[in-house]
Amino acid sequence: MFQWISIFGLGAVIGLVVLHALIFPCGSGPRLSAAGLIRRAVHLFTLLFLEQQLTWVGRIRKLVYLLAMLAALVLILTGFGPVVFGSRIAGWLLMIHATFAGVFVFCMAFLAVTWANAFICKAGSHTADCGCSAEACLRRAGFWMMLLLTLPISLTMVLSMYPIFGTHGQDMLLWIHRYCTLCFVMVAIAQTYLAIRAKVIRDCRA
């Protein structure tokens, strides 16, 4: 059941992202030409670099953000990969998953402390960082939803290490962990798309 829910949920989010990008394109130049696609690919790659105008705090924050994205990607591959193909995570995949889970939780905690102020709605600033106020609100909502979902994702795995809930409780913790993680991944995909879109719009206006 969870296998098909995961496939449908992730496919739906990715499909909506692609559809939105086609209907509401950002950037300049032809969209579907070879030169346009290469230009956009190079632009997306340069978003990984550290901007010169960033402060030292901003540089550390972006490095932690990139590390969180890497950890999340590893967790998605090791966690959802076996489930999508109808098996269970075990062995060395489980060891890798548990290792990067700690890295991911640390990164999310750091970003929550250092970045939360940027995602608080302030009077008169709802259109300051994005051409569409709806997208700015969605990015803020996505950030806070990801932080909130990190709590049950982390707690369910920590609590499952202690034999205090019994077999039924362990199954319930696994159920909560799986579905919260699925919701997190779906939100993270949309959040990453909106963040990249906002950055591309700002670069085109500069």
N, C-alpha and C. Protein backbone atom coordinates (compact mmCIF):
# COMPACT_ATOMS: atom_id res chain seq x y z
N MET A 1 0.82 -1.21 0.00
CA MET A 1 0.00 0.00 0.00
C MET A 1 0.86 1.26 0.00
N PHE A 2 1.82 1.30 0.94
CA PHE A 2 2.69 2.47 1.01
C PHE A 2 3.52 2.63 -0.25
N GLN A 3 3.87 1.50 -0.87
CA GLN A 3 4.65 1.56 -2.11
C GLN A 3 3.92 2.35 -3.18
N TRP A 4 2.64 2.06 -3.38
CA TRP A 4 1.89 2.75 -4.43
C TRP A 4 1.55 4.18 -4.04
N ILE A 5 1.31 4.41 -2.76
CA ILE A 5 1.07 5.78 -2.30
C ILE A 5 2.32 6.63 -2.53
N SER A 6 3.49 6.07 -2.27
CA SER A 6 4.74 6.80 -2.48
C SER A 6 4.94 7.13 -3.96
N ILE A 7 4.73 6.14 -4.82
CA ILE A 7 4.91 6.35 -6.25
C ILE A 7 3.95 7.41 -6.77
N PHE A 8 2.69 7.31 -6.35
CA PHE A 8 1.68 8.27 -6.80
C PHE A 8 1.97 9.66 -6.25
N GLY A 9 2.31 9.77 -4.96
CA GLY A 9 2.55 11.08 -4.35
C GLY A 9 3.75 11.79 -4.94
N LEU A 10 4.86 11.07 -5.07
CA LEU A 10 6.06 11.69 -5.63
C LEU A 10 5.86 12.02 -7.11
N GLY A 11 5.20 11.14 -7.84
CA GLY A 11 4.94 11.41 -9.24
C GLY A 11 4.04 12.62 -9.43
N ALA A 12 3.04 12.77 -8.55
CA ALA A 12 2.12 13.89 -8.65
C ALA A 12 2.84 15.21 -8.39
N VAL A 13 3.69 15.24 -7.37
CA VAL A 13 4.42 16.48 -7.05
C VAL A 13 5.36 16.85 -8.18
N ILE A 14 6.12 15.89 -8.67
CA ILE A 14 7.05 16.17 -9.77
C ILE A 14 6.29 16.62 -11.01
N GLY A 15 5.17 15.99 -11.28
CA GLY A 15 4.36 16.39 -12.42
C GLY A 15 3.83 17.82 -12.29
N LEU A 16 3.37 18.18 -11.10
CA LEU A 16 2.88 19.54 -10.88
C LEU A 16 4.00 20.56 -11.01
N VAL A 17 5.19 20.21 -10.54
CA VAL A 17 6.33 21.13 -10.67
C VAL A 17 6.65 21.36 -12.14
N VAL A 18 6.72 20.28 -12.91
CA VAL A 18 7.02 20.41 -14.35
C VAL A 18 5.93 21.20 -15.05
N LEU A 19 4.67 20.93 -14.72
CA LEU A 19 3.56 21.64 -15.34
C LEU A 19 3.59 23.13 -15.01
N HIS A 20 3.89 23.45 -13.76
CA HIS A 20 3.96 24.87 -13.37
C HIS A 20 5.11 25.56 -14.09
N ALA A 21 6.24 24.87 -14.22
CA ALA A 21 7.39 25.47 -14.90
C ALA A 21 7.09 25.74 -16.37
N LEU A 22 6.28 24.90 -16.99
CA LEU A 22 5.93 25.11 -18.39
C LEU A 22 4.88 26.21 -18.57
N ILE A 23 3.92 26.26 -17.66
CA ILE A 23 2.86 27.26 -17.79
C ILE A 23 3.33 28.64 -17.34
N PHE A 24 4.14 28.68 -16.27
CA PHE A 24 4.64 29.95 -15.74
C PHE A 24 6.17 29.93 -15.76
N PRO A 25 6.76 30.09 -16.94
CA PRO A 25 8.23 30.02 -17.03
C PRO A 25 8.88 31.23 -16.39
N CYS A 26 10.09 31.03 -15.90
CA CYS A 26 10.90 32.13 -15.39
C CYS A 26 12.21 32.16 -16.16
N GLY A 27 12.91 33.26 -16.08
CA GLY A 27 14.13 33.41 -16.85
C GLY A 27 13.86 34.11 -18.16
N SER A 28 14.85 34.17 -18.98
CA SER A 28 14.75 34.87 -20.27
C SER A 28 15.23 33.96 -21.39
N GLY A 29 14.89 34.33 -22.61
CA GLY A 29 15.33 33.57 -23.77
C GLY A 29 14.38 32.44 -24.09
N PRO A 30 14.61 31.77 -25.20
CA PRO A 30 13.75 30.65 -25.60
C PRO A 30 13.81 29.51 -24.59
N ARG A 31 12.67 28.89 -24.32
CA ARG A 31 12.60 27.88 -23.28
C ARG A 31 13.04 26.50 -23.76
N LEU A 32 12.63 26.11 -24.96
CA LEU A 32 12.81 24.74 -25.41
C LEU A 32 13.93 24.57 -26.42
N SER A 33 14.67 25.62 -26.74
CA SER A 33 15.79 25.48 -27.66
C SER A 33 16.97 24.84 -26.94
N ALA A 34 17.90 24.28 -27.71
CA ALA A 34 19.08 23.63 -27.12
C ALA A 34 19.92 24.64 -26.34
N ALA A 35 20.09 25.85 -26.93
CA ALA A 35 20.88 26.88 -26.23
C ALA A 35 20.19 27.31 -24.94
N GLY A 36 18.87 27.44 -24.98
CA GLY A 36 18.14 27.84 -23.78
C GLY A 36 18.23 26.81 -22.68
N LEU A 37 18.13 25.53 -23.04
CA LEU A 37 18.22 24.47 -22.04
C LEU A 37 19.61 24.40 -21.43
N ILE A 38 20.64 24.56 -22.27
CA ILE A 38 22.02 24.54 -21.75
C ILE A 38 22.25 25.73 -20.82
N ARG A 39 21.75 26.91 -21.23
CA ARG A 39 21.90 28.10 -20.40
C ARG A 39 21.24 27.91 -19.04
N ARG A 40 20.07 27.33 -19.03
CA ARG A 40 19.37 27.11 -17.77
C ARG A 40 20.07 26.06 -16.91
N ALA A 41 20.62 25.02 -17.55
CA ALA A 41 21.35 24.00 -16.80
C ALA A 41 22.59 24.58 -16.14
N VAL A 42 23.31 25.43 -16.88
CA VAL A 42 24.50 26.09 -16.31
C VAL A 42 24.10 27.02 -15.17
N HIS A 43 23.00 27.74 -15.36
CA HIS A 43 22.52 28.66 -14.32
C HIS A 43 22.15 27.90 -13.06
N LEU A 44 21.48 26.77 -13.20
CA LEU A 44 21.12 25.97 -12.04
C LEU A 44 22.36 25.45 -11.32
N PHE A 45 23.38 25.06 -12.09
CA PHE A 45 24.61 24.56 -11.48
C PHE A 45 25.32 25.65 -10.69
N THR A 46 25.32 26.88 -11.20
CA THR A 46 26.00 27.98 -10.51
C THR A 46 25.29 28.37 -9.22
N LEU A 47 24.03 27.96 -9.04
CA LEU A 47 23.32 28.26 -7.80
C LEU A 47 23.94 27.53 -6.61
N LEU A 48 24.73 26.49 -6.88
CA LEU A 48 25.39 25.76 -5.81
C LEU A 48 26.59 26.51 -5.26
N PHE A 49 27.10 27.50 -6.01
CA PHE A 49 28.28 28.23 -5.57
C PHE A 49 27.93 29.25 -4.50
N LEU A 50 28.95 29.71 -3.78
CA LEU A 50 28.77 30.73 -2.75
C LEU A 50 28.87 32.11 -3.38
N GLU A 51 27.82 32.91 -3.22
CA GLU A 51 27.83 34.25 -3.77
C GLU A 51 28.83 35.14 -3.01
N GLN A 52 29.46 36.07 -3.73
CA GLN A 52 30.46 36.94 -3.12
C GLN A 52 29.86 37.88 -2.08
N GLN A 53 28.60 38.25 -2.26
CA GLN A 53 28.00 39.21 -1.33
C GLN A 53 27.55 38.58 -0.02
N LEU A 54 27.66 37.27 0.10
CA LEU A 54 27.24 36.61 1.33
C LEU A 54 28.20 36.93 2.48
N THR A 55 27.65 37.10 3.67
CA THR A 55 28.47 37.25 4.87
C THR A 55 29.00 35.86 5.27
N TRP A 56 29.89 35.84 6.28
CA TRP A 56 30.44 34.55 6.68
C TRP A 56 29.35 33.66 7.28
N VAL A 57 28.36 34.29 7.93
CA VAL A 57 27.23 33.51 8.44
C VAL A 57 26.41 32.95 7.28
N GLY A 58 26.20 33.78 6.26
CA GLY A 58 25.46 33.32 5.09
C GLY A 58 26.18 32.20 4.36
N ARG A 59 27.51 32.27 4.31
CA ARG A 59 28.28 31.21 3.65
C ARG A 59 28.15 29.88 4.40
N ILE A 60 28.27 29.96 5.73
CA ILE A 60 28.12 28.74 6.53
C ILE A 60 26.72 28.17 6.38
N ARG A 61 25.73 29.07 6.38
CA ARG A 61 24.34 28.63 6.26
C ARG A 61 24.09 27.95 4.93
N LYS A 62 24.65 28.48 3.85
CA LYS A 62 24.43 27.86 2.55
C LYS A 62 25.16 26.52 2.47
N LEU A 63 26.36 26.43 3.05
CA LEU A 63 27.07 25.15 3.06
C LEU A 63 26.27 24.09 3.84
N VAL A 64 25.70 24.51 4.97
CA VAL A 64 24.87 23.58 5.74
C VAL A 64 23.63 23.19 4.95
N TYR A 65 23.05 24.16 4.24
CA TYR A 65 21.87 23.88 3.42
C TYR A 65 22.21 22.87 2.32
N LEU A 66 23.36 23.02 1.66
CA LEU A 66 23.77 22.08 0.63
C LEU A 66 24.03 20.70 1.24
N LEU A 67 24.63 20.68 2.44
CA LEU A 67 24.86 19.41 3.11
C LEU A 67 23.54 18.74 3.47
N ALA A 68 22.55 19.55 3.89
CA ALA A 68 21.22 19.00 4.19
C ALA A 68 20.58 18.42 2.94
N MET A 69 20.74 19.10 1.79
CA MET A 69 20.18 18.58 0.54
C MET A 69 20.85 17.26 0.17
N LEU A 70 22.18 17.17 0.36
CA LEU A 70 22.89 15.93 0.06
C LEU A 70 22.42 14.80 0.98
N ALA A 71 22.30 15.11 2.29
CA ALA A 71 21.84 14.10 3.23
C ALA A 71 20.42 13.66 2.92
N ALA A 72 19.56 14.63 2.56
CA ALA A 72 18.18 14.29 2.22
C ALA A 72 18.12 13.41 0.98
N LEU A 73 18.98 13.69 0.00
CA LEU A 73 19.01 12.87 -1.23
C LEU A 73 19.42 11.43 -0.91
N VAL A 74 20.44 11.29 -0.05
CA VAL A 74 20.87 9.94 0.34
C VAL A 74 19.77 9.22 1.11
N LEU A 75 19.10 9.95 2.00
CA LEU A 75 18.00 9.34 2.77
C LEU A 75 16.85 8.92 1.87
N ILE A 76 16.56 9.73 0.86
CA ILE A 76 15.48 9.39 -0.07
C ILE A 76 15.84 8.13 -0.86
N LEU A 77 17.07 8.07 -1.34
CA LEU A 77 17.49 6.91 -2.15
C LEU A 77 17.53 5.63 -1.32
N THR A 78 18.07 5.73 -0.09
CA THR A 78 18.19 4.54 0.74
C THR A 78 16.87 4.17 1.41
N GLY A 79 15.99 5.15 1.63
CA GLY A 79 14.73 4.88 2.30
C GLY A 79 13.61 4.51 1.35
N PHE A 80 13.44 5.31 0.28
CA PHE A 80 12.34 5.07 -0.64
C PHE A 80 12.71 4.10 -1.76
N GLY A 81 14.00 4.00 -2.05
CA GLY A 81 14.42 3.09 -3.12
C GLY A 81 13.95 1.66 -2.90
N PRO A 82 14.29 1.05 -1.75
CA PRO A 82 13.81 -0.32 -1.52
C PRO A 82 12.29 -0.43 -1.48
N VAL A 83 11.63 0.58 -0.90
CA VAL A 83 10.16 0.53 -0.79
C VAL A 83 9.51 0.55 -2.16
N VAL A 84 10.01 1.41 -3.04
CA VAL A 84 9.43 1.51 -4.39
C VAL A 84 9.54 0.20 -5.14
N PHE A 85 10.65 -0.54 -4.89
CA PHE A 85 10.85 -1.81 -5.59
C PHE A 85 10.31 -3.00 -4.80
N GLY A 86 9.53 -2.71 -3.75
CA GLY A 86 8.83 -3.77 -3.04
C GLY A 86 9.62 -4.51 -2.00
N SER A 87 10.75 -3.97 -1.52
CA SER A 87 11.54 -4.62 -0.48
C SER A 87 11.63 -3.72 0.74
N ARG A 88 12.42 -4.13 1.72
CA ARG A 88 12.58 -3.37 2.95
C ARG A 88 14.03 -2.93 3.09
N ILE A 89 14.23 -1.79 3.74
CA ILE A 89 15.58 -1.30 3.97
C ILE A 89 16.27 -2.15 5.03
N ALA A 90 17.47 -2.63 4.73
CA ALA A 90 18.20 -3.49 5.65
C ALA A 90 19.68 -3.48 5.28
N GLY A 91 20.50 -4.05 6.15
CA GLY A 91 21.92 -4.20 5.87
C GLY A 91 22.65 -2.88 5.77
N TRP A 92 23.52 -2.79 4.79
CA TRP A 92 24.36 -1.60 4.65
C TRP A 92 23.53 -0.38 4.25
N LEU A 93 22.41 -0.59 3.57
CA LEU A 93 21.54 0.54 3.26
C LEU A 93 20.98 1.15 4.54
N LEU A 94 20.62 0.31 5.50
CA LEU A 94 20.12 0.80 6.78
C LEU A 94 21.19 1.56 7.53
N MET A 95 22.45 1.09 7.48
CA MET A 95 23.56 1.78 8.15
C MET A 95 23.80 3.15 7.53
N ILE A 96 23.78 3.22 6.21
CA ILE A 96 23.96 4.51 5.53
C ILE A 96 22.81 5.43 5.86
N HIS A 97 21.60 4.89 5.87
CA HIS A 97 20.41 5.69 6.17
C HIS A 97 20.50 6.28 7.57
N ALA A 98 20.88 5.46 8.55
CA ALA A 98 20.98 5.94 9.93
C ALA A 98 22.09 6.97 10.10
N THR A 99 23.19 6.80 9.39
CA THR A 99 24.31 7.75 9.49
C THR A 99 23.92 9.12 8.94
N PHE A 100 23.34 9.15 7.76
CA PHE A 100 22.96 10.42 7.16
C PHE A 100 21.74 11.04 7.83
N ALA A 101 20.97 10.23 8.56
CA ALA A 101 19.84 10.78 9.30
C ALA A 101 20.32 11.74 10.38
N GLY A 102 21.41 11.36 11.07
CA GLY A 102 21.97 12.26 12.08
C GLY A 102 22.49 13.55 11.47
N VAL A 103 23.14 13.45 10.33
CA VAL A 103 23.64 14.64 9.64
C VAL A 103 22.49 15.54 9.24
N PHE A 104 21.43 14.94 8.72
CA PHE A 104 20.27 15.71 8.27
C PHE A 104 19.59 16.43 9.43
N VAL A 105 19.41 15.76 10.54
CA VAL A 105 18.76 16.39 11.70
C VAL A 105 19.59 17.56 12.22
N PHE A 106 20.90 17.40 12.26
CA PHE A 106 21.77 18.50 12.70
C PHE A 106 21.63 19.70 11.76
N CYS A 107 21.66 19.44 10.46
CA CYS A 107 21.56 20.53 9.48
C CYS A 107 20.22 21.26 9.61
N MET A 108 19.14 20.50 9.77
CA MET A 108 17.82 21.12 9.89
C MET A 108 17.73 21.96 11.16
N ALA A 109 18.32 21.48 12.25
CA ALA A 109 18.31 22.25 13.49
C ALA A 109 19.10 23.55 13.31
N PHE A 110 20.23 23.48 12.63
CA PHE A 110 21.04 24.69 12.39
C PHE A 110 20.28 25.68 11.52
N LEU A 111 19.65 25.20 10.46
CA LEU A 111 18.88 26.08 9.59
C LEU A 111 17.68 26.68 10.30
N ALA A 112 17.08 25.91 11.19
CA ALA A 112 15.93 26.43 11.94
C ALA A 112 16.34 27.61 12.82
N VAL A 113 17.53 27.53 13.39
CA VAL A 113 18.00 28.60 14.28
C VAL A 113 18.46 29.82 13.49
N THR A 114 19.16 29.60 12.40
CA THR A 114 19.80 30.71 11.68
C THR A 114 18.98 31.27 10.54
N TRP A 115 17.94 30.56 10.11
CA TRP A 115 17.24 30.96 8.90
C TRP A 115 15.76 31.25 9.13
N ALA A 116 15.28 30.97 10.33
CA ALA A 116 13.84 31.09 10.58
C ALA A 116 13.35 32.52 10.39
N ASN A 117 14.17 33.50 10.76
CA ASN A 117 13.73 34.89 10.67
C ASN A 117 13.43 35.32 9.24
N ALA A 118 14.12 34.72 8.28
CA ALA A 118 13.89 35.07 6.87
C ALA A 118 12.57 34.53 6.35
N PHE A 119 11.96 33.59 7.06
CA PHE A 119 10.72 32.99 6.61
C PHE A 119 9.54 33.37 7.49
N ILE A 120 9.68 34.48 8.20
CA ILE A 120 8.58 35.04 8.98
C ILE A 120 7.96 36.17 8.19
N CYS A 121 6.64 36.12 8.01
CA CYS A 121 5.95 37.15 7.26
C CYS A 121 6.04 38.47 8.00
N LYS A 122 6.49 39.51 7.30
CA LYS A 122 6.61 40.83 7.88
C LYS A 122 5.74 41.81 7.09
N ALA A 123 5.23 42.77 7.77
CA ALA A 123 4.33 43.74 7.13
C ALA A 123 5.06 44.48 6.02
N GLY A 124 4.45 44.47 4.84
CA GLY A 124 4.99 45.22 3.71
C GLY A 124 6.12 44.54 2.97
N SER A 125 6.47 43.29 3.37
CA SER A 125 7.60 42.63 2.72
C SER A 125 7.19 41.38 1.96
N HIS A 126 5.88 41.17 1.75
CA HIS A 126 5.45 39.92 1.15
C HIS A 126 5.80 39.80 -0.32
N THR A 127 6.15 40.87 -0.98
CA THR A 127 6.56 40.79 -2.39
C THR A 127 7.99 41.25 -2.59
N ALA A 128 8.75 41.35 -1.52
CA ALA A 128 10.09 41.91 -1.64
C ALA A 128 11.07 40.96 -2.29
N ASP A 129 10.88 39.63 -2.11
CA ASP A 129 11.88 38.69 -2.58
C ASP A 129 11.38 37.82 -3.72
N CYS A 130 10.23 38.06 -4.23
CA CYS A 130 9.69 37.21 -5.29
C CYS A 130 8.68 38.00 -6.10
N GLY A 131 8.62 37.67 -7.40
CA GLY A 131 7.69 38.38 -8.24
C GLY A 131 6.25 38.03 -7.97
N CYS A 132 6.00 36.96 -7.28
CA CYS A 132 4.63 36.53 -7.00
C CYS A 132 4.48 36.33 -5.50
N SER A 133 3.57 37.05 -4.87
CA SER A 133 3.40 36.95 -3.43
C SER A 133 2.93 35.55 -3.03
N ALA A 134 2.15 34.89 -3.89
CA ALA A 134 1.69 33.55 -3.59
C ALA A 134 2.87 32.58 -3.47
N GLU A 135 3.84 32.72 -4.36
CA GLU A 135 5.01 31.85 -4.30
C GLU A 135 5.83 32.14 -3.05
N ALA A 136 5.95 33.40 -2.66
CA ALA A 136 6.68 33.74 -1.45
C ALA A 136 6.01 33.13 -0.22
N CYS A 137 4.70 33.19 -0.16
CA CYS A 137 3.97 32.60 0.96
C CYS A 137 4.11 31.09 0.97
N LEU A 138 4.10 30.47 -0.21
CA LEU A 138 4.26 29.03 -0.29
C LEU A 138 5.65 28.61 0.16
N ARG A 139 6.67 29.39 -0.16
CA ARG A 139 8.02 29.07 0.29
C ARG A 139 8.12 29.16 1.80
N ARG A 140 7.51 30.19 2.37
CA ARG A 140 7.53 30.31 3.83
C ARG A 140 6.80 29.14 4.48
N ALA A 141 5.62 28.83 3.95
CA ALA A 141 4.85 27.72 4.50
C ALA A 141 5.60 26.40 4.36
N GLY A 142 6.27 26.20 3.22
CA GLY A 142 7.03 24.99 3.00
C GLY A 142 8.18 24.85 3.97
N PHE A 143 8.88 25.95 4.26
CA PHE A 143 10.00 25.91 5.20
C PHE A 143 9.53 25.46 6.57
N TRP A 144 8.45 26.07 7.07
CA TRP A 144 7.97 25.73 8.40
C TRP A 144 7.38 24.33 8.44
N MET A 145 6.75 23.90 7.35
CA MET A 145 6.21 22.55 7.32
C MET A 145 7.32 21.51 7.35
N MET A 146 8.43 21.80 6.66
CA MET A 146 9.57 20.88 6.69
C MET A 146 10.15 20.78 8.08
N LEU A 147 10.26 21.92 8.78
CA LEU A 147 10.78 21.88 10.15
C LEU A 147 9.85 21.09 11.06
N LEU A 148 8.54 21.30 10.93
CA LEU A 148 7.60 20.58 11.77
C LEU A 148 7.63 19.08 11.50
N LEU A 149 7.73 18.69 10.23
CA LEU A 149 7.76 17.28 9.89
C LEU A 149 9.06 16.61 10.33
N THR A 150 10.13 17.38 10.48
CA THR A 150 11.40 16.81 10.94
C THR A 150 11.26 16.23 12.35
N LEU A 151 10.41 16.84 13.18
CA LEU A 151 10.25 16.37 14.56
C LEU A 151 9.70 14.95 14.63
N PRO A 152 8.52 14.65 14.05
CA PRO A 152 8.04 13.26 14.12
C PRO A 152 8.94 12.28 13.37
N ILE A 153 9.57 12.73 12.29
CA ILE A 153 10.48 11.85 11.56
C ILE A 153 11.64 11.41 12.46
N SER A 154 12.20 12.35 13.21
CA SER A 154 13.33 12.05 14.07
C SER A 154 12.90 11.28 15.32
N LEU A 155 11.82 11.74 15.95
CA LEU A 155 11.39 11.13 17.21
C LEU A 155 10.95 9.68 17.02
N THR A 156 10.27 9.40 15.92
CA THR A 156 9.81 8.03 15.72
C THR A 156 10.97 7.04 15.60
N MET A 157 12.06 7.46 14.97
CA MET A 157 13.20 6.57 14.86
C MET A 157 13.95 6.44 16.18
N VAL A 158 14.06 7.54 16.92
CA VAL A 158 14.74 7.47 18.22
C VAL A 158 13.95 6.58 19.18
N LEU A 159 12.64 6.77 19.23
CA LEU A 159 11.80 5.99 20.13
C LEU A 159 11.76 4.52 19.75
N SER A 160 11.88 4.23 18.45
CA SER A 160 11.84 2.84 18.02
C SER A 160 13.06 2.05 18.47
N MET A 161 14.12 2.74 18.89
CA MET A 161 15.32 2.05 19.38
C MET A 161 15.15 1.49 20.78
N TYR A 162 14.10 1.90 21.47
CA TYR A 162 13.87 1.44 22.84
C TYR A 162 12.64 0.54 22.87
N PRO A 163 12.75 -0.63 23.47
CA PRO A 163 11.62 -1.59 23.49
C PRO A 163 10.59 -1.24 24.57
N ILE A 164 9.95 -0.10 24.41
CA ILE A 164 9.00 0.33 25.43
C ILE A 164 7.58 0.41 24.88
N PHE A 165 7.40 0.20 23.60
CA PHE A 165 6.07 0.33 23.01
C PHE A 165 5.50 -1.01 22.52
N GLY A 166 6.30 -2.05 22.56
CA GLY A 166 5.80 -3.34 22.11
C GLY A 166 5.77 -3.44 20.59
N THR A 167 5.34 -4.59 20.11
CA THR A 167 5.32 -4.84 18.66
C THR A 167 4.35 -3.90 17.95
N HIS A 168 3.16 -3.74 18.52
CA HIS A 168 2.17 -2.85 17.89
C HIS A 168 2.68 -1.41 17.87
N GLY A 169 3.30 -1.00 18.96
CA GLY A 169 3.84 0.36 19.01
C GLY A 169 4.96 0.58 18.00
N GLN A 170 5.82 -0.44 17.81
CA GLN A 170 6.89 -0.34 16.82
C GLN A 170 6.32 -0.19 15.42
N ASP A 171 5.28 -0.96 15.13
CA ASP A 171 4.65 -0.84 13.81
C ASP A 171 4.03 0.54 13.61
N MET A 172 3.43 1.08 14.67
CA MET A 172 2.82 2.41 14.58
C MET A 172 3.89 3.48 14.36
N LEU A 173 5.03 3.35 15.07
CA LEU A 173 6.12 4.31 14.89
C LEU A 173 6.66 4.26 13.47
N LEU A 174 6.79 3.05 12.92
CA LEU A 174 7.26 2.92 11.54
C LEU A 174 6.26 3.53 10.57
N TRP A 175 4.97 3.33 10.82
CA TRP A 175 3.93 3.90 9.97
C TRP A 175 4.00 5.43 9.98
N ILE A 176 4.13 6.00 11.18
CA ILE A 176 4.23 7.47 11.29
C ILE A 176 5.49 7.97 10.59
N HIS A 177 6.61 7.26 10.79
CA HIS A 177 7.87 7.67 10.18
C HIS A 177 7.77 7.67 8.66
N ARG A 178 7.17 6.64 8.12
CA ARG A 178 7.08 6.53 6.67
C ARG A 178 6.24 7.64 6.06
N TYR A 179 5.07 7.86 6.60
CA TYR A 179 4.16 8.83 5.98
C TYR A 179 4.61 10.27 6.23
N CYS A 180 5.21 10.53 7.40
CA CYS A 180 5.77 11.87 7.64
C CYS A 180 6.94 12.13 6.70
N THR A 181 7.74 11.09 6.47
CA THR A 181 8.86 11.24 5.54
C THR A 181 8.37 11.47 4.12
N LEU A 182 7.33 10.76 3.72
CA LEU A 182 6.77 10.97 2.39
C LEU A 182 6.26 12.40 2.24
N CYS A 183 5.55 12.90 3.25
CA CYS A 183 5.07 14.29 3.21
C CYS A 183 6.24 15.26 3.15
N PHE A 184 7.30 14.97 3.92
CA PHE A 184 8.48 15.84 3.92
C PHE A 184 9.10 15.90 2.53
N VAL A 185 9.27 14.75 1.90
CA VAL A 185 9.90 14.72 0.58
C VAL A 185 9.05 15.48 -0.44
N MET A 186 7.75 15.31 -0.38
CA MET A 186 6.87 16.02 -1.31
C MET A 186 6.98 17.53 -1.11
N VAL A 187 6.98 17.97 0.15
CA VAL A 187 7.13 19.40 0.43
C VAL A 187 8.51 19.89 0.01
N ALA A 188 9.54 19.08 0.26
CA ALA A 188 10.91 19.48 -0.08
C ALA A 188 11.08 19.66 -1.58
N ILE A 189 10.45 18.81 -2.38
CA ILE A 189 10.54 18.95 -3.84
C ILE A 189 9.93 20.28 -4.28
N ALA A 190 8.74 20.57 -3.78
CA ALA A 190 8.08 21.83 -4.13
C ALA A 190 8.87 23.02 -3.60
N GLN A 191 9.39 22.91 -2.38
CA GLN A 191 10.15 24.00 -1.77
C GLN A 191 11.43 24.29 -2.55
N THR A 192 12.13 23.24 -2.95
CA THR A 192 13.36 23.41 -3.73
C THR A 192 13.06 24.07 -5.07
N TYR A 193 12.00 23.64 -5.71
CA TYR A 193 11.62 24.24 -6.99
C TYR A 193 11.30 25.73 -6.83
N LEU A 194 10.54 26.09 -5.80
CA LEU A 194 10.19 27.49 -5.59
C LEU A 194 11.41 28.32 -5.21
N ALA A 195 12.34 27.74 -4.44
CA ALA A 195 13.55 28.47 -4.07
C ALA A 195 14.42 28.74 -5.29
N ILE A 196 14.58 27.73 -6.15
CA ILE A 196 15.36 27.92 -7.38
C ILE A 196 14.68 28.93 -8.28
N ARG A 197 13.37 28.85 -8.38
CA ARG A 197 12.61 29.78 -9.23
C ARG A 197 12.78 31.22 -8.75
N ALA A 198 12.70 31.44 -7.42
CA ALA A 198 12.87 32.79 -6.89
C ALA A 198 14.28 33.31 -7.16
N LYS A 199 15.29 32.43 -7.04
CA LYS A 199 16.66 32.84 -7.30
C LYS A 199 16.86 33.20 -8.77
N VAL A 200 16.29 32.43 -9.67
CA VAL A 200 16.40 32.71 -11.10
C VAL A 200 15.74 34.04 -11.43
N ILE A 201 14.57 34.31 -10.84
CA ILE A 201 13.88 35.57 -11.09
C ILE A 201 14.72 36.74 -10.60
N ARG A 202 15.32 36.62 -9.41
CA ARG A 202 16.16 37.72 -8.88
C ARG A 202 17.38 37.94 -9.76
N ASP A 203 18.00 36.87 -10.24
CA ASP A 203 19.18 37.00 -11.11
C ASP A 203 18.81 37.67 -12.43
N CYS A 204 17.65 37.35 -12.98
CA CYS A 204 17.23 37.95 -14.25
C CYS A 204 16.92 39.43 -14.09
N ARG A 205 16.48 39.83 -12.92
CA ARG A 205 16.17 41.24 -12.67
C ARG A 205 17.40 42.06 -12.33
N ALA A 206 18.48 41.37 -11.91
CA ALA A 206 19.68 42.10 -11.50
C ALA A 206 20.40 42.71 -12.71
